[in-house]
Amino acid sequence: MKKWFLVLIVLLLCGCGANKESASGTMDYDAIANDPDIVIVDVRTQEEYASLHVKDAINIPLDIIDENINLDKEKKIYVYCKSGIRSKQAYDKLKDLGYDVFDLGGIDSIDIEKESS
């Protein structure tokens, strides 16, 4: 019995330390898409963005995210890419620049309405 109790405590503690700045799991993507205080940023290339992107997302390719980027620091920034690799890099860059940023990961795992240009 003590063993199961200890396992339960460890699992609960591990869950409490999860990265809250990653928007994976049970996040309500409809709420994200419809929240005026959230900006969704596609960090893929312009060509990738044109072929398919999250509705109302803006395109800022990863390679141009730097200190000259002009996003509202009062808003939450949600980033995504193709697989999650570039979105993690964008997350790190934007976090270092002082933005309130969340990583949505790859576009295929995002359950938000998508469109092509």
N, C-alpha and C. Protein backbone atom coordinates (compact mmCIF):
# COMPACT_ATOMS: atom_id res chain seq x y z
N MET A 1 0.83 -1.19 0.00
CA MET A 1 0.00 0.00 0.00
C MET A 1 0.87 1.26 0.00
N LYS A 2 1.93 1.24 0.83
CA LYS A 2 2.83 2.40 0.89
C LYS A 2 3.50 2.64 -0.45
N LYS A 3 3.82 1.55 -1.15
CA LYS A 3 4.47 1.67 -2.44
C LYS A 3 3.56 2.40 -3.43
N TRP A 4 2.29 2.04 -3.50
CA TRP A 4 1.35 2.69 -4.41
C TRP A 4 1.13 4.15 -4.04
N PHE A 5 1.10 4.41 -2.76
CA PHE A 5 0.93 5.79 -2.29
C PHE A 5 2.13 6.63 -2.72
N LEU A 6 3.33 6.09 -2.58
CA LEU A 6 4.54 6.80 -2.99
C LEU A 6 4.54 7.04 -4.51
N VAL A 7 4.13 6.04 -5.28
CA VAL A 7 4.05 6.20 -6.74
C VAL A 7 3.05 7.31 -7.09
N LEU A 8 1.92 7.33 -6.43
CA LEU A 8 0.91 8.35 -6.68
C LEU A 8 1.45 9.75 -6.37
N ILE A 9 2.14 9.90 -5.26
CA ILE A 9 2.73 11.19 -4.87
C ILE A 9 3.75 11.64 -5.91
N VAL A 10 4.60 10.74 -6.36
CA VAL A 10 5.62 11.08 -7.37
C VAL A 10 4.94 11.53 -8.66
N LEU A 11 3.91 10.81 -9.10
CA LEU A 11 3.20 11.19 -10.31
C LEU A 11 2.54 12.57 -10.18
N LEU A 12 1.95 12.83 -9.05
CA LEU A 12 1.33 14.13 -8.83
C LEU A 12 2.36 15.25 -8.82
N LEU A 13 3.49 15.02 -8.19
CA LEU A 13 4.54 16.04 -8.15
C LEU A 13 5.13 16.29 -9.54
N CYS A 14 5.30 15.25 -10.32
CA CYS A 14 5.82 15.41 -11.68
C CYS A 14 4.85 16.20 -12.53
N GLY A 15 3.59 15.96 -12.39
CA GLY A 15 2.58 16.69 -13.15
C GLY A 15 2.54 18.15 -12.77
N CYS A 16 2.79 18.46 -11.50
CA CYS A 16 2.75 19.86 -11.07
C CYS A 16 3.92 20.65 -11.62
N GLY A 17 4.99 19.99 -11.98
CA GLY A 17 6.16 20.69 -12.50
C GLY A 17 6.18 20.79 -14.01
N ALA A 18 5.09 20.44 -14.67
CA ALA A 18 5.06 20.47 -16.13
C ALA A 18 5.25 21.88 -16.66
N ASN A 19 5.77 21.99 -17.86
CA ASN A 19 6.00 23.28 -18.48
C ASN A 19 4.66 23.93 -18.81
N LYS A 20 4.28 24.96 -18.06
CA LYS A 20 3.00 25.61 -18.27
C LYS A 20 3.04 26.56 -19.45
N GLU A 21 4.20 26.73 -20.04
CA GLU A 21 4.30 27.63 -21.17
C GLU A 21 4.25 26.87 -22.49
N SER A 22 3.98 25.61 -22.41
CA SER A 22 3.73 24.81 -23.59
C SER A 22 2.23 24.61 -23.66
N ALA A 23 1.65 24.84 -24.81
CA ALA A 23 0.20 24.80 -24.94
C ALA A 23 -0.28 23.46 -25.46
N SER A 24 0.37 22.39 -25.08
CA SER A 24 -0.07 21.07 -25.53
C SER A 24 -1.05 20.47 -24.54
N GLY A 25 -1.59 19.34 -24.88
CA GLY A 25 -2.48 18.66 -23.96
C GLY A 25 -3.93 19.05 -24.19
N THR A 26 -4.62 19.42 -23.13
CA THR A 26 -6.05 19.64 -23.20
C THR A 26 -6.42 21.11 -23.38
N MET A 27 -5.54 21.92 -23.92
CA MET A 27 -5.81 23.33 -24.10
C MET A 27 -6.98 23.54 -25.05
N ASP A 28 -7.82 24.52 -24.77
CA ASP A 28 -8.97 24.85 -25.60
C ASP A 28 -8.52 25.76 -26.74
N TYR A 29 -8.25 25.17 -27.90
CA TYR A 29 -7.72 25.92 -29.02
C TYR A 29 -8.75 26.91 -29.59
N ASP A 30 -10.05 26.61 -29.47
CA ASP A 30 -11.07 27.56 -29.91
C ASP A 30 -10.98 28.84 -29.09
N ALA A 31 -10.74 28.69 -27.80
CA ALA A 31 -10.59 29.87 -26.94
C ALA A 31 -9.37 30.68 -27.34
N ILE A 32 -8.29 30.02 -27.71
CA ILE A 32 -7.08 30.71 -28.16
C ILE A 32 -7.38 31.50 -29.43
N ALA A 33 -8.00 30.86 -30.38
CA ALA A 33 -8.25 31.49 -31.68
C ALA A 33 -9.19 32.68 -31.57
N ASN A 34 -10.05 32.69 -30.58
CA ASN A 34 -11.04 33.75 -30.46
C ASN A 34 -10.73 34.78 -29.38
N ASP A 35 -9.58 34.70 -28.76
CA ASP A 35 -9.20 35.63 -27.69
C ASP A 35 -8.45 36.82 -28.29
N PRO A 36 -8.98 38.05 -28.14
CA PRO A 36 -8.32 39.22 -28.73
C PRO A 36 -6.99 39.57 -28.08
N ASP A 37 -6.69 38.97 -26.93
CA ASP A 37 -5.42 39.24 -26.25
C ASP A 37 -4.34 38.23 -26.60
N ILE A 38 -4.62 37.41 -27.62
CA ILE A 38 -3.66 36.40 -28.06
C ILE A 38 -3.32 36.63 -29.53
N VAL A 39 -2.04 36.53 -29.85
CA VAL A 39 -1.57 36.61 -31.22
C VAL A 39 -0.99 35.25 -31.57
N ILE A 40 -1.48 34.64 -32.65
CA ILE A 40 -0.96 33.35 -33.09
C ILE A 40 0.04 33.61 -34.21
N VAL A 41 1.26 33.11 -34.03
CA VAL A 41 2.34 33.37 -34.97
C VAL A 41 2.83 32.06 -35.59
N ASP A 42 2.78 32.00 -36.90
CA ASP A 42 3.31 30.88 -37.68
C ASP A 42 4.76 31.23 -37.99
N VAL A 43 5.70 30.44 -37.49
CA VAL A 43 7.13 30.76 -37.67
C VAL A 43 7.77 30.00 -38.82
N ARG A 44 6.93 29.40 -39.68
CA ARG A 44 7.44 28.70 -40.86
C ARG A 44 7.73 29.71 -41.97
N THR A 45 8.21 29.23 -43.09
CA THR A 45 8.51 30.10 -44.23
C THR A 45 7.21 30.66 -44.82
N GLN A 46 7.33 31.69 -45.65
CA GLN A 46 6.16 32.27 -46.30
C GLN A 46 5.47 31.26 -47.20
N GLU A 47 6.26 30.42 -47.86
CA GLU A 47 5.68 29.39 -48.73
C GLU A 47 4.87 28.37 -47.94
N GLU A 48 5.40 27.94 -46.81
CA GLU A 48 4.66 26.99 -45.97
C GLU A 48 3.37 27.63 -45.45
N TYR A 49 3.48 28.86 -45.01
CA TYR A 49 2.32 29.60 -44.51
C TYR A 49 1.24 29.71 -45.58
N ALA A 50 1.65 30.04 -46.80
CA ALA A 50 0.69 30.21 -47.90
C ALA A 50 -0.04 28.91 -48.22
N SER A 51 0.63 27.78 -48.07
CA SER A 51 0.00 26.51 -48.41
C SER A 51 -1.06 26.10 -47.38
N LEU A 52 -0.83 26.38 -46.11
CA LEU A 52 -1.79 26.07 -45.06
C LEU A 52 -1.33 26.72 -43.76
N HIS A 53 -2.24 27.38 -43.08
CA HIS A 53 -1.91 28.00 -41.80
C HIS A 53 -3.15 28.06 -40.91
N VAL A 54 -2.91 28.31 -39.66
CA VAL A 54 -4.01 28.48 -38.71
C VAL A 54 -4.74 29.77 -39.06
N LYS A 55 -6.06 29.70 -39.08
CA LYS A 55 -6.87 30.88 -39.42
C LYS A 55 -6.51 32.04 -38.49
N ASP A 56 -6.31 33.21 -39.07
CA ASP A 56 -5.99 34.46 -38.37
C ASP A 56 -4.57 34.50 -37.80
N ALA A 57 -3.75 33.50 -38.09
CA ALA A 57 -2.35 33.54 -37.65
C ALA A 57 -1.58 34.51 -38.54
N ILE A 58 -0.57 35.14 -37.95
CA ILE A 58 0.33 35.97 -38.74
C ILE A 58 1.60 35.19 -39.01
N ASN A 59 2.27 35.51 -40.09
CA ASN A 59 3.48 34.79 -40.47
C ASN A 59 4.71 35.64 -40.15
N ILE A 60 5.52 35.14 -39.24
CA ILE A 60 6.82 35.74 -38.95
C ILE A 60 7.82 34.59 -38.95
N PRO A 61 8.50 34.38 -40.07
CA PRO A 61 9.46 33.27 -40.14
C PRO A 61 10.50 33.34 -39.03
N LEU A 62 10.88 32.18 -38.53
CA LEU A 62 11.84 32.09 -37.43
C LEU A 62 13.09 32.92 -37.67
N ASP A 63 13.61 32.90 -38.90
CA ASP A 63 14.89 33.55 -39.16
C ASP A 63 14.83 35.08 -39.08
N ILE A 64 13.63 35.67 -39.00
CA ILE A 64 13.57 37.12 -38.84
C ILE A 64 13.11 37.56 -37.45
N ILE A 65 12.94 36.61 -36.54
CA ILE A 65 12.59 36.97 -35.17
C ILE A 65 13.87 37.43 -34.47
N ASP A 66 13.88 38.72 -34.14
CA ASP A 66 15.01 39.31 -33.42
C ASP A 66 14.52 40.51 -32.64
N GLU A 67 15.43 41.31 -32.12
CA GLU A 67 15.05 42.44 -31.28
C GLU A 67 14.26 43.52 -32.04
N ASN A 68 14.23 43.48 -33.36
CA ASN A 68 13.48 44.46 -34.15
C ASN A 68 12.02 44.05 -34.38
N ILE A 69 11.63 42.88 -33.90
CA ILE A 69 10.26 42.42 -34.09
C ILE A 69 9.32 43.34 -33.32
N ASN A 70 8.16 43.60 -33.89
CA ASN A 70 7.25 44.56 -33.30
C ASN A 70 5.91 43.90 -32.98
N LEU A 71 5.87 43.16 -31.89
CA LEU A 71 4.63 42.56 -31.42
C LEU A 71 4.23 43.25 -30.12
N ASP A 72 2.95 43.25 -29.83
CA ASP A 72 2.42 43.87 -28.61
C ASP A 72 2.81 43.03 -27.40
N LYS A 73 3.61 43.61 -26.51
CA LYS A 73 4.06 42.87 -25.33
C LYS A 73 2.96 42.72 -24.28
N GLU A 74 1.83 43.36 -24.50
CA GLU A 74 0.68 43.20 -23.60
C GLU A 74 -0.14 41.95 -23.95
N LYS A 75 0.13 41.37 -25.10
CA LYS A 75 -0.63 40.20 -25.56
C LYS A 75 0.18 38.93 -25.36
N LYS A 76 -0.51 37.81 -25.30
CA LYS A 76 0.14 36.51 -25.24
C LYS A 76 0.44 36.08 -26.67
N ILE A 77 1.63 35.58 -26.90
CA ILE A 77 2.05 35.16 -28.22
C ILE A 77 2.10 33.63 -28.24
N TYR A 78 1.35 33.04 -29.17
CA TYR A 78 1.35 31.58 -29.35
C TYR A 78 2.05 31.28 -30.67
N VAL A 79 3.10 30.46 -30.62
CA VAL A 79 3.87 30.15 -31.83
C VAL A 79 3.68 28.69 -32.22
N TYR A 80 3.74 28.44 -33.54
CA TYR A 80 3.71 27.07 -34.05
C TYR A 80 4.52 27.01 -35.33
N CYS A 81 4.86 25.78 -35.73
CA CYS A 81 5.61 25.54 -36.97
C CYS A 81 5.11 24.24 -37.58
N LYS A 82 5.96 23.52 -38.27
CA LYS A 82 5.58 22.24 -38.88
C LYS A 82 5.61 21.10 -37.87
N SER A 83 6.73 20.99 -37.16
CA SER A 83 6.89 19.83 -36.27
C SER A 83 7.08 20.18 -34.80
N GLY A 84 7.35 21.43 -34.50
CA GLY A 84 7.60 21.84 -33.12
C GLY A 84 9.03 22.27 -32.87
N ILE A 85 9.93 22.00 -33.80
CA ILE A 85 11.34 22.37 -33.61
C ILE A 85 11.52 23.88 -33.72
N ARG A 86 11.02 24.46 -34.80
CA ARG A 86 11.16 25.92 -34.98
C ARG A 86 10.33 26.69 -33.96
N SER A 87 9.17 26.15 -33.59
CA SER A 87 8.35 26.86 -32.60
C SER A 87 9.07 26.92 -31.25
N LYS A 88 9.81 25.89 -30.90
CA LYS A 88 10.59 25.90 -29.66
C LYS A 88 11.70 26.95 -29.75
N GLN A 89 12.35 27.07 -30.90
CA GLN A 89 13.39 28.08 -31.09
C GLN A 89 12.78 29.48 -31.03
N ALA A 90 11.61 29.66 -31.66
CA ALA A 90 10.92 30.96 -31.62
C ALA A 90 10.50 31.29 -30.20
N TYR A 91 10.01 30.28 -29.49
CA TYR A 91 9.63 30.46 -28.09
C TYR A 91 10.82 31.00 -27.30
N ASP A 92 11.98 30.37 -27.45
CA ASP A 92 13.18 30.80 -26.72
C ASP A 92 13.57 32.23 -27.07
N LYS A 93 13.55 32.56 -28.36
CA LYS A 93 13.91 33.92 -28.80
C LYS A 93 12.95 34.96 -28.23
N LEU A 94 11.65 34.68 -28.37
CA LEU A 94 10.65 35.64 -27.92
C LEU A 94 10.65 35.79 -26.40
N LYS A 95 10.86 34.70 -25.71
CA LYS A 95 10.93 34.74 -24.24
C LYS A 95 12.10 35.63 -23.82
N ASP A 96 13.25 35.46 -24.48
CA ASP A 96 14.42 36.28 -24.19
C ASP A 96 14.16 37.76 -24.48
N LEU A 97 13.27 38.05 -25.42
CA LEU A 97 12.93 39.43 -25.78
C LEU A 97 11.85 40.02 -24.86
N GLY A 98 11.37 39.23 -23.92
CA GLY A 98 10.41 39.73 -22.94
C GLY A 98 8.95 39.52 -23.25
N TYR A 99 8.65 38.65 -24.21
CA TYR A 99 7.26 38.37 -24.56
C TYR A 99 6.69 37.27 -23.67
N ASP A 100 5.36 37.33 -23.48
CA ASP A 100 4.62 36.27 -22.81
C ASP A 100 4.25 35.28 -23.90
N VAL A 101 5.03 34.21 -24.02
CA VAL A 101 4.94 33.33 -25.19
C VAL A 101 4.64 31.89 -24.80
N PHE A 102 3.90 31.21 -25.67
CA PHE A 102 3.53 29.82 -25.49
C PHE A 102 3.81 29.06 -26.78
N ASP A 103 4.23 27.82 -26.65
CA ASP A 103 4.59 27.00 -27.79
C ASP A 103 3.46 26.02 -28.10
N LEU A 104 2.83 26.18 -29.26
CA LEU A 104 1.77 25.26 -29.69
C LEU A 104 2.32 23.99 -30.34
N GLY A 105 3.60 24.02 -30.74
CA GLY A 105 4.20 22.86 -31.38
C GLY A 105 3.95 22.85 -32.88
N GLY A 106 3.68 21.67 -33.43
CA GLY A 106 3.49 21.50 -34.87
C GLY A 106 2.06 21.75 -35.32
N ILE A 107 1.91 22.25 -36.53
CA ILE A 107 0.59 22.60 -37.07
C ILE A 107 -0.35 21.40 -37.12
N ASP A 108 0.17 20.22 -37.38
CA ASP A 108 -0.69 19.05 -37.48
C ASP A 108 -1.32 18.66 -36.15
N SER A 109 -0.72 19.10 -35.05
CA SER A 109 -1.27 18.75 -33.74
C SER A 109 -2.17 19.85 -33.18
N ILE A 110 -2.36 20.93 -33.94
CA ILE A 110 -3.19 22.04 -33.47
C ILE A 110 -4.60 21.87 -34.00
N ASP A 111 -5.56 21.85 -33.09
CA ASP A 111 -6.95 21.66 -33.47
C ASP A 111 -7.66 23.02 -33.56
N ILE A 112 -7.20 23.84 -34.51
CA ILE A 112 -7.81 25.13 -34.80
C ILE A 112 -8.11 25.16 -36.29
N GLU A 113 -9.11 25.92 -36.65
CA GLU A 113 -9.46 26.04 -38.07
C GLU A 113 -8.26 26.52 -38.87
N LYS A 114 -8.02 25.87 -39.99
CA LYS A 114 -6.88 26.20 -40.85
C LYS A 114 -7.39 26.64 -42.21
N GLU A 115 -6.56 27.43 -42.90
CA GLU A 115 -6.92 27.92 -44.23
C GLU A 115 -5.66 28.07 -45.06
N SER A 116 -5.82 28.21 -46.36
CA SER A 116 -4.69 28.49 -47.24
C SER A 116 -4.89 29.87 -47.84
N SER A 117 -3.79 30.48 -48.26
CA SER A 117 -3.86 31.84 -48.82
C SER A 117 -4.25 31.82 -50.28
